[in-house]
Amino acid sequence: MTILEVKQVSLRIGGLSVLTDVSFSLNKGAIHSLIGPNGAGKTSLFNCITGFYRPTAGAIRLDGTSLARVTPHRVVRLGLARTFQNIRLFKEMTVLENVMAGCHCRSEGSIVSALLRTRAHRREEESIREISRRWLDFVGLRAKEQRRAGDLPYGDRRRVEWARALASEPKLLMLDEPAAGLTHTEKAELIELLRRIRGQGTTILLIEHDMPLIMQVSDHVVVMDHGQKIADGEPAAVRRNPQVIEAYLGVEE
C-alpha cells in the first residue's frame, strides 16, 4: 500500500543543515499533509522528492522505484506531479495551452514529427487537447479555456495549475500551499476537489498552513520543525501531540 517512502533523508546546503534524518511513508489513495512552522523544511523536502534538490543522505522511493539522481522531468514521467507556492503559469498562453503542457510528458512524438505535422502528431495533439479539456471540466474552468492565463483572477489561476498537474496522470499529486490566497468559498471548493481527486485513486500530499482545512481533509499528517520530523499519524492524534503544540505555540519560560 506504500506509494512514497522517505528514509533518513538529510540535506545540507553550504554549511547549513536543512533536513536531518527525515523518515515517513505515504499510503496509496489517501490525502496526506506535511505541516510545520515557517522554516521547518517542508518545501526543501518537496524539492528533494521531486528532484530539484539532491539529498545529502537517505533514500526516496516512489512506488518502489528509487528517485536518486532522477531529474525533475523524469520524476513526472514516473508518476509524480507538483505545484509550487508561487503560481507558475505561461501567462501569455491560453488556459487550454497551459494544461496541454502538462500532458506532453506522456507524448510519444518527436521534434521531426512536430515540425512535419505528421498524421500521428496531429492525432496525438488532438488527444492531448481532449484530455486537457476533461481536466478543465474537472476543476470547473472549461468555459475559460481560451482565456489568456495571465488575465485570470487568482483563484482561477490556481485551478489551472491543478489541472495542468493532473493532466500528467500522476500517481502522487504534491500541492505546495494550495489554499494560500483563496477565499472561504474557494477553500470549501478546494476541499471538495481534493476528495474527488482521492476518489479517482490519486494519492495527495500537501503542504498547508490552514489548520482547519488540514484537520478536515487529511487522512494522515506529518509534522516537521527545524528540518526534522517531530510527529506522524492521524490528524486528531497529531493535534494533541505536545511536541506539535510546542512547535506552533511555544512553551512558557
C-alpha atoms as a PDB file:
ATOM      1  CA  MET A   1       0.000   0.000   0.000  1.00  0.00           C
ATOM      2  CA  THR A   2       3.005   2.345   0.254  1.00  0.00           C
ATOM      3  CA  ILE A   3       3.409   4.776  -2.658  1.00  0.00           C
ATOM      4  CA  LEU A   4       6.174   7.019  -1.273  1.00  0.00           C
ATOM      5  CA  GLU A   5       8.931   6.101   1.154  1.00  0.00           C
ATOM      6  CA  VAL A   6      11.238   8.754   2.575  1.00  0.00           C
ATOM      7  CA  LYS A   7      14.019   7.143   4.586  1.00  0.00           C
ATOM      8  CA  GLN A   8      16.556   9.053   6.702  1.00  0.00           C
ATOM      9  CA  VAL A   9      16.750  11.955   4.265  1.00  0.00           C
ATOM     10  CA  SER A  10      19.198  14.712   5.154  1.00  0.00           C
ATOM     11  CA  LEU A  11      20.078  17.849   3.212  1.00  0.00           C
ATOM     12  CA  ARG A  12      22.927  20.275   3.702  1.00  0.00           C
ATOM     13  CA  ILE A  13      23.245  23.468   1.680  1.00  0.00           C
ATOM     14  CA  GLY A  14      26.654  25.012   2.204  1.00  0.00           C
ATOM     15  CA  GLY A  15      27.282  24.752   5.931  1.00  0.00           C
ATOM     16  CA  LEU A  16      23.558  24.789   6.796  1.00  0.00           C
ATOM     17  CA  SER A  17      21.692  21.643   7.805  1.00  0.00           C
ATOM     18  CA  VAL A  18      18.256  21.983   6.187  1.00  0.00           C
ATOM     19  CA  LEU A  19      16.903  18.435   6.752  1.00  0.00           C
ATOM     20  CA  THR A  20      18.049  15.838   9.283  1.00  0.00           C
ATOM     21  CA  ASP A  21      17.132  12.115   9.116  1.00  0.00           C
ATOM     22  CA  VAL A  22      13.558  12.629   7.905  1.00  0.00           C
ATOM     23  CA  SER A  23      11.632   9.358   7.507  1.00  0.00           C
ATOM     24  CA  PHE A  24       7.978   8.594   6.756  1.00  0.00           C
ATOM     25  CA  SER A  25       5.839   6.695   4.268  1.00  0.00           C
ATOM     26  CA  LEU A  26       2.609   7.506   2.450  1.00  0.00           C
ATOM     27  CA  ASN A  27      -0.157   5.025   1.710  1.00  0.00           C
ATOM     28  CA  LYS A  28      -1.840   4.884  -1.673  1.00  0.00           C
ATOM     29  CA  GLY A  29      -5.223   6.500  -2.169  1.00  0.00           C
ATOM     30  CA  ALA A  30      -5.075   8.829   0.858  1.00  0.00           C
ATOM     31  CA  ILE A  31      -4.739  12.565   1.497  1.00  0.00           C
ATOM     32  CA  HIS A  32      -1.530  13.267   3.409  1.00  0.00           C
ATOM     33  CA  SER A  33      -0.451  16.636   4.794  1.00  0.00           C
ATOM     34  CA  LEU A  34       3.011  17.954   5.596  1.00  0.00           C
ATOM     35  CA  ILE A  35       2.825  20.734   8.156  1.00  0.00           C
ATOM     36  CA  GLY A  36       5.105  22.762  10.377  1.00  0.00           C
ATOM     37  CA  PRO A  37       6.088  26.354  11.201  1.00  0.00           C
ATOM     38  CA  ASN A  38       7.745  28.558   8.590  1.00  0.00           C
ATOM     39  CA  GLY A  39      11.326  27.421   8.001  1.00  0.00           C
ATOM     40  CA  ALA A  40      10.616  23.846   9.109  1.00  0.00           C
ATOM     41  CA  GLY A  41      11.996  22.403   5.846  1.00  0.00           C
ATOM     42  CA  LYS A  42       8.729  21.399   4.164  1.00  0.00           C
ATOM     43  CA  THR A  43       9.391  22.893   0.732  1.00  0.00           C
ATOM     44  CA  SER A  44      13.020  21.735   0.839  1.00  0.00           C
ATOM     45  CA  LEU A  45      11.741  18.195   1.367  1.00  0.00           C
ATOM     46  CA  PHE A  46       9.306  18.638  -1.554  1.00  0.00           C
ATOM     47  CA  ASN A  47      12.272  19.708  -3.682  1.00  0.00           C
ATOM     48  CA  CYS A  48      14.245  16.613  -2.669  1.00  0.00           C
ATOM     49  CA  ILE A  49      11.349  14.321  -3.533  1.00  0.00           C
ATOM     50  CA  THR A  50      10.757  15.939  -6.932  1.00  0.00           C
ATOM     51  CA  GLY A  51      14.413  16.058  -7.991  1.00  0.00           C
ATOM     52  CA  PHE A  52      15.087  19.785  -7.663  1.00  0.00           C
ATOM     53  CA  TYR A  53      17.467  19.137  -4.742  1.00  0.00           C
ATOM     54  CA  ARG A  54      19.705  16.116  -4.313  1.00  0.00           C
ATOM     55  CA  PRO A  55      19.661  14.863  -0.682  1.00  0.00           C
ATOM     56  CA  THR A  56      22.984  14.679   1.130  1.00  0.00           C
ATOM     57  CA  ALA A  57      21.948  11.318   2.600  1.00  0.00           C
ATOM     58  CA  GLY A  58      18.996   8.943   2.682  1.00  0.00           C
ATOM     59  CA  ALA A  59      16.693   7.357   0.121  1.00  0.00           C
ATOM     60  CA  ILE A  60      13.401   8.260  -1.554  1.00  0.00           C
ATOM     61  CA  ARG A  61      11.280   5.695  -3.408  1.00  0.00           C
ATOM     62  CA  LEU A  62       8.152   6.257  -5.464  1.00  0.00           C
ATOM     63  CA  ASP A  63       6.067   3.095  -5.784  1.00  0.00           C
ATOM     64  CA  GLY A  64       9.224   1.036  -5.219  1.00  0.00           C
ATOM     65  CA  THR A  65      11.414   2.991  -7.674  1.00  0.00           C
ATOM     66  CA  SER A  66      14.401   4.921  -6.318  1.00  0.00           C
ATOM     67  CA  LEU A  67      14.369   8.630  -7.149  1.00  0.00           C
ATOM     68  CA  ALA A  68      18.119   9.004  -6.552  1.00  0.00           C
ATOM     69  CA  ARG A  69      19.671  11.072  -9.357  1.00  0.00           C
ATOM     70  CA  VAL A  70      16.368  11.221 -11.233  1.00  0.00           C
ATOM     71  CA  THR A  71      15.827  14.592 -12.932  1.00  0.00           C
ATOM     72  CA  PRO A  72      12.571  16.516 -12.325  1.00  0.00           C
ATOM     73  CA  HIS A  73      11.086  15.812 -15.774  1.00  0.00           C
ATOM     74  CA  ARG A  74      11.749  12.076 -15.366  1.00  0.00           C
ATOM     75  CA  VAL A  75      10.173  12.158 -11.902  1.00  0.00           C
ATOM     76  CA  VAL A  76       6.999  13.408 -13.605  1.00  0.00           C
ATOM     77  CA  ARG A  77       7.113  10.515 -16.080  1.00  0.00           C
ATOM     78  CA  LEU A  78       7.361   8.118 -13.121  1.00  0.00           C
ATOM     79  CA  GLY A  79       4.021   9.431 -11.852  1.00  0.00           C
ATOM     80  CA  LEU A  80       4.689  12.368  -9.536  1.00  0.00           C
ATOM     81  CA  ALA A  81       3.332  15.871 -10.211  1.00  0.00           C
ATOM     82  CA  ARG A  82       3.611  19.016  -8.089  1.00  0.00           C
ATOM     83  CA  THR A  83       2.587  22.643  -7.839  1.00  0.00           C
ATOM     84  CA  PHE A  84       4.537  25.480  -6.237  1.00  0.00           C
ATOM     85  CA  GLN A  85       3.960  28.109  -3.554  1.00  0.00           C
ATOM     86  CA  ASN A  86       4.041  30.819  -6.204  1.00  0.00           C
ATOM     87  CA  ILE A  87       1.849  30.244  -9.249  1.00  0.00           C
ATOM     88  CA  ARG A  88       3.940  29.296 -12.289  1.00  0.00           C
ATOM     89  CA  LEU A  89       1.859  29.554 -15.439  1.00  0.00           C
ATOM     90  CA  PHE A  90       2.709  30.528 -19.004  1.00  0.00           C
ATOM     91  CA  LYS A  91       0.871  33.841 -18.730  1.00  0.00           C
ATOM     92  CA  GLU A  92       0.789  34.633 -22.465  1.00  0.00           C
ATOM     93  CA  MET A  93      -0.654  31.223 -23.359  1.00  0.00           C
ATOM     94  CA  THR A  94      -4.305  30.244 -23.107  1.00  0.00           C
ATOM     95  CA  VAL A  95      -5.709  28.237 -20.225  1.00  0.00           C
ATOM     96  CA  LEU A  96      -6.051  25.197 -22.510  1.00  0.00           C
ATOM     97  CA  GLU A  97      -2.462  25.505 -23.760  1.00  0.00           C
ATOM     98  CA  ASN A  98      -1.176  25.632 -20.184  1.00  0.00           C
ATOM     99  CA  VAL A  99      -2.959  22.401 -19.302  1.00  0.00           C
ATOM    100  CA  MET A 100      -1.832  20.743 -22.534  1.00  0.00           C
ATOM    101  CA  ALA A 101       1.757  21.441 -21.456  1.00  0.00           C
ATOM    102  CA  GLY A 102       1.166  19.059 -18.546  1.00  0.00           C
ATOM    103  CA  CYS A 103       0.256  16.238 -20.957  1.00  0.00           C
ATOM    104  CA  HIS A 104       3.400  16.428 -23.040  1.00  0.00           C
ATOM    105  CA  CYS A 105       5.437  14.403 -20.547  1.00  0.00           C
ATOM    106  CA  ARG A 106       3.398  11.435 -21.877  1.00  0.00           C
ATOM    107  CA  SER A 107       3.856  12.410 -25.509  1.00  0.00           C
ATOM    108  CA  GLU A 108       5.473   9.900 -27.857  1.00  0.00           C
ATOM    109  CA  GLY A 109       6.018  12.309 -30.749  1.00  0.00           C
ATOM    110  CA  SER A 110       9.408  13.578 -31.890  1.00  0.00           C
ATOM    111  CA  ILE A 111      10.641  17.034 -32.877  1.00  0.00           C
ATOM    112  CA  VAL A 112      10.685  15.896 -36.509  1.00  0.00           C
ATOM    113  CA  SER A 113       7.042  14.736 -36.427  1.00  0.00           C
ATOM    114  CA  ALA A 114       6.048  18.049 -34.826  1.00  0.00           C
ATOM    115  CA  LEU A 115       7.872  20.070 -37.498  1.00  0.00           C
ATOM    116  CA  LEU A 116       6.389  17.988 -40.327  1.00  0.00           C
ATOM    117  CA  ARG A 117       2.919  17.928 -38.726  1.00  0.00           C
ATOM    118  CA  THR A 118       2.558  14.230 -39.464  1.00  0.00           C
ATOM    119  CA  ARG A 119      -0.785  12.458 -39.164  1.00  0.00           C
ATOM    120  CA  ALA A 120       0.375  10.694 -35.989  1.00  0.00           C
ATOM    121  CA  HIS A 121       1.452  14.016 -34.483  1.00  0.00           C
ATOM    122  CA  ARG A 122      -1.886  15.675 -35.286  1.00  0.00           C
ATOM    123  CA  ARG A 123      -3.780  12.709 -33.844  1.00  0.00           C
ATOM    124  CA  GLU A 124      -1.740  12.830 -30.637  1.00  0.00           C
ATOM    125  CA  GLU A 125      -2.200  16.597 -30.276  1.00  0.00           C
ATOM    126  CA  GLU A 126      -5.952  16.191 -30.625  1.00  0.00           C
ATOM    127  CA  SER A 127      -5.915  13.508 -27.928  1.00  0.00           C
ATOM    128  CA  ILE A 128      -3.907  15.797 -25.634  1.00  0.00           C
ATOM    129  CA  ARG A 129      -6.388  18.613 -26.275  1.00  0.00           C
ATOM    130  CA  GLU A 130      -9.337  16.442 -25.292  1.00  0.00           C
ATOM    131  CA  ILE A 131      -7.591  15.125 -22.166  1.00  0.00           C
ATOM    132  CA  SER A 132      -6.810  18.717 -21.148  1.00  0.00           C
ATOM    133  CA  ARG A 133     -10.421  19.742 -21.650  1.00  0.00           C
ATOM    134  CA  ARG A 134     -11.590  16.904 -19.412  1.00  0.00           C
ATOM    135  CA  TRP A 135      -9.329  18.156 -16.614  1.00  0.00           C
ATOM    136  CA  LEU A 136     -10.534  21.723 -17.130  1.00  0.00           C
ATOM    137  CA  ASP A 137     -14.060  20.347 -16.723  1.00  0.00           C
ATOM    138  CA  PHE A 138     -12.902  18.597 -13.547  1.00  0.00           C
ATOM    139  CA  VAL A 139     -11.667  21.870 -11.957  1.00  0.00           C
ATOM    140  CA  GLY A 140     -14.540  23.970 -13.347  1.00  0.00           C
ATOM    141  CA  LEU A 141     -12.681  26.015 -15.965  1.00  0.00           C
ATOM    142  CA  ARG A 142     -13.791  24.530 -19.306  1.00  0.00           C
ATOM    143  CA  ALA A 143     -15.689  27.721 -20.186  1.00  0.00           C
ATOM    144  CA  LYS A 144     -12.481  29.750 -19.844  1.00  0.00           C
ATOM    145  CA  GLU A 145     -10.178  27.509 -21.899  1.00  0.00           C
ATOM    146  CA  GLN A 146      -9.422  30.220 -24.486  1.00  0.00           C
ATOM    147  CA  ARG A 147      -8.743  32.954 -21.932  1.00  0.00           C
ATOM    148  CA  ARG A 148      -5.166  34.183 -21.567  1.00  0.00           C
ATOM    149  CA  ALA A 149      -3.865  32.590 -18.337  1.00  0.00           C
ATOM    150  CA  GLY A 150      -2.359  35.862 -17.100  1.00  0.00           C
ATOM    151  CA  ASP A 151      -5.779  37.556 -17.258  1.00  0.00           C
ATOM    152  CA  LEU A 152      -7.484  35.147 -14.855  1.00  0.00           C
ATOM    153  CA  PRO A 153      -8.258  36.025 -11.228  1.00  0.00           C
ATOM    154  CA  TYR A 154      -6.007  34.458  -8.596  1.00  0.00           C
ATOM    155  CA  GLY A 155      -8.287  31.567  -7.643  1.00  0.00           C
ATOM    156  CA  ASP A 156      -8.746  30.506 -11.276  1.00  0.00           C
ATOM    157  CA  ARG A 157      -5.003  30.602 -11.909  1.00  0.00           C
ATOM    158  CA  ARG A 158      -4.608  28.170  -9.011  1.00  0.00           C
ATOM    159  CA  ARG A 159      -7.157  25.887 -10.673  1.00  0.00           C
ATOM    160  CA  VAL A 160      -5.218  25.964 -13.944  1.00  0.00           C
ATOM    161  CA  GLU A 161      -2.125  24.787 -12.052  1.00  0.00           C
ATOM    162  CA  TRP A 162      -4.054  21.916 -10.510  1.00  0.00           C
ATOM    163  CA  ALA A 163      -5.499  20.906 -13.889  1.00  0.00           C
ATOM    164  CA  ARG A 164      -2.047  21.013 -15.508  1.00  0.00           C
ATOM    165  CA  ALA A 165      -0.579  18.806 -12.777  1.00  0.00           C
ATOM    166  CA  LEU A 166      -3.470  16.337 -13.064  1.00  0.00           C
ATOM    167  CA  ALA A 167      -3.069  16.201 -16.851  1.00  0.00           C
ATOM    168  CA  SER A 168       0.288  14.455 -16.372  1.00  0.00           C
ATOM    169  CA  GLU A 169      -1.648  11.479 -14.901  1.00  0.00           C
ATOM    170  CA  PRO A 170       0.172  11.358 -11.555  1.00  0.00           C
ATOM    171  CA  LYS A 171       0.088   8.530  -9.058  1.00  0.00           C
ATOM    172  CA  LEU A 172       1.072  11.085  -6.408  1.00  0.00           C
ATOM    173  CA  LEU A 173      -0.004  14.735  -6.571  1.00  0.00           C
ATOM    174  CA  MET A 174       2.007  17.143  -4.386  1.00  0.00           C
ATOM    175  CA  LEU A 175       0.470  20.563  -3.716  1.00  0.00           C
ATOM    176  CA  ASP A 176       2.517  23.331  -2.062  1.00  0.00           C
ATOM    177  CA  GLU A 177       0.125  25.600  -0.107  1.00  0.00           C
ATOM    178  CA  PRO A 178      -2.881  25.182  -2.449  1.00  0.00           C
ATOM    179  CA  ALA A 179      -5.194  27.195  -0.161  1.00  0.00           C
ATOM    180  CA  ALA A 180      -2.900  30.236   0.074  1.00  0.00           C
ATOM    181  CA  GLY A 181      -4.774  33.360  -1.012  1.00  0.00           C
ATOM    182  CA  LEU A 182      -8.102  31.612  -1.555  1.00  0.00           C
ATOM    183  CA  THR A 183     -11.398  32.950  -0.254  1.00  0.00           C
ATOM    184  CA  HIS A 184     -13.514  30.993   2.222  1.00  0.00           C
ATOM    185  CA  THR A 185     -15.740  29.758  -0.623  1.00  0.00           C
ATOM    186  CA  GLU A 186     -12.738  28.767  -2.741  1.00  0.00           C
ATOM    187  CA  LYS A 187     -11.261  26.806   0.182  1.00  0.00           C
ATOM    188  CA  ALA A 188     -14.506  24.865   0.537  1.00  0.00           C
ATOM    189  CA  GLU A 189     -14.339  24.090  -3.190  1.00  0.00           C
ATOM    190  CA  LEU A 190     -10.696  23.012  -2.772  1.00  0.00           C
ATOM    191  CA  ILE A 191     -11.671  20.523  -0.060  1.00  0.00           C
ATOM    192  CA  GLU A 192     -14.308  19.030  -2.356  1.00  0.00           C
ATOM    193  CA  LEU A 193     -11.805  18.902  -5.234  1.00  0.00           C
ATOM    194  CA  LEU A 194      -9.190  17.123  -3.095  1.00  0.00           C
ATOM    195  CA  ARG A 195     -11.735  14.492  -2.121  1.00  0.00           C
ATOM    196  CA  ARG A 196     -12.736  13.981  -5.753  1.00  0.00           C
ATOM    197  CA  ILE A 197      -9.086  13.549  -6.746  1.00  0.00           C
ATOM    198  CA  ARG A 198      -8.637  10.968  -3.983  1.00  0.00           C
ATOM    199  CA  GLY A 199     -11.825   9.286  -5.150  1.00  0.00           C
ATOM    200  CA  GLN A 200     -10.161   8.678  -8.518  1.00  0.00           C
ATOM    201  CA  GLY A 201      -7.346   6.791  -6.804  1.00  0.00           C
ATOM    202  CA  THR A 202      -4.696   9.535  -6.854  1.00  0.00           C
ATOM    203  CA  THR A 203      -2.664   9.939  -3.666  1.00  0.00           C
ATOM    204  CA  ILE A 204      -2.230  13.530  -2.437  1.00  0.00           C
ATOM    205  CA  LEU A 205       0.489  15.160  -0.351  1.00  0.00           C
ATOM    206  CA  LEU A 206       0.005  18.811   0.511  1.00  0.00           C
ATOM    207  CA  ILE A 207       1.910  21.469   2.410  1.00  0.00           C
ATOM    208  CA  GLU A 208      -0.572  23.766   4.096  1.00  0.00           C
ATOM    209  CA  HIS A 209      -0.792  26.289   6.940  1.00  0.00           C
ATOM    210  CA  ASP A 210      -4.597  26.355   7.158  1.00  0.00           C
ATOM    211  CA  MET A 211      -5.057  24.042  10.130  1.00  0.00           C
ATOM    212  CA  PRO A 212      -8.879  23.771   9.978  1.00  0.00           C
ATOM    213  CA  LEU A 213      -8.533  22.659   6.339  1.00  0.00           C
ATOM    214  CA  ILE A 214      -5.789  20.168   7.263  1.00  0.00           C
ATOM    215  CA  MET A 215      -7.860  18.633  10.053  1.00  0.00           C
ATOM    216  CA  GLN A 216     -10.937  18.430   7.843  1.00  0.00           C
ATOM    217  CA  VAL A 217      -9.420  16.826   4.763  1.00  0.00           C
ATOM    218  CA  SER A 218      -6.350  14.800   5.836  1.00  0.00           C
ATOM    219  CA  ASP A 219      -6.163  11.060   6.447  1.00  0.00           C
ATOM    220  CA  HIS A 220      -2.574  11.316   7.699  1.00  0.00           C
ATOM    221  CA  VAL A 221      -0.347  14.186   8.856  1.00  0.00           C
ATOM    222  CA  VAL A 222       3.442  14.536   9.057  1.00  0.00           C
ATOM    223  CA  VAL A 223       4.783  17.387  11.187  1.00  0.00           C
ATOM    224  CA  MET A 224       8.228  18.974  10.784  1.00  0.00           C
ATOM    225  CA  ASP A 225      10.159  21.514  12.808  1.00  0.00           C
ATOM    226  CA  HIS A 226      13.721  22.763  12.297  1.00  0.00           C
ATOM    227  CA  GLY A 227      14.341  20.271   9.494  1.00  0.00           C
ATOM    228  CA  GLN A 228      13.241  17.207  11.495  1.00  0.00           C
ATOM    229  CA  LYS A 229      10.073  15.128  11.690  1.00  0.00           C
ATOM    230  CA  ILE A 230       8.502  15.551  15.127  1.00  0.00           C
ATOM    231  CA  ALA A 231       5.175  13.736  14.664  1.00  0.00           C
ATOM    232  CA  ASP A 232       3.419  11.428  12.226  1.00  0.00           C
ATOM    233  CA  GLY A 233      -0.092   9.971  12.392  1.00  0.00           C
ATOM    234  CA  GLU A 234      -3.819  10.626  12.244  1.00  0.00           C
ATOM    235  CA  PRO A 235      -4.890  14.294  12.467  1.00  0.00           C
ATOM    236  CA  ALA A 236      -6.566  14.026  15.890  1.00  0.00           C
ATOM    237  CA  ALA A 237      -3.514  12.378  17.458  1.00  0.00           C
ATOM    238  CA  VAL A 238      -1.123  14.859  15.871  1.00  0.00           C
ATOM    239  CA  ARG A 239      -3.177  17.801  17.126  1.00  0.00           C
ATOM    240  CA  ARG A 240      -2.802  16.565  20.730  1.00  0.00           C
ATOM    241  CA  ASN A 241       0.930  15.846  20.437  1.00  0.00           C
ATOM    242  CA  PRO A 242       2.887  18.001  22.953  1.00  0.00           C
ATOM    243  CA  GLN A 243       5.794  18.484  20.530  1.00  0.00           C
ATOM    244  CA  VAL A 244       3.444  19.779  17.864  1.00  0.00           C
ATOM    245  CA  ILE A 245       1.779  22.162  20.307  1.00  0.00           C
ATOM    246  CA  GLU A 246       5.195  23.415  21.408  1.00  0.00           C
ATOM    247  CA  ALA A 247       6.384  23.900  17.816  1.00  0.00           C
ATOM    248  CA  TYR A 248       3.367  26.074  16.964  1.00  0.00           C
ATOM    249  CA  LEU A 249       2.679  27.831  20.260  1.00  0.00           C
ATOM    250  CA  GLY A 250       5.981  27.700  22.123  1.00  0.00           C
ATOM    251  CA  VAL A 251       6.391  26.991  25.852  1.00  0.00           C
ATOM    252  CA  GLU A 252       6.491  29.115  28.943  1.00  0.00           C
ATOM    253  CA  GLU A 253       9.950  30.064  30.130  1.00  0.00           C
END
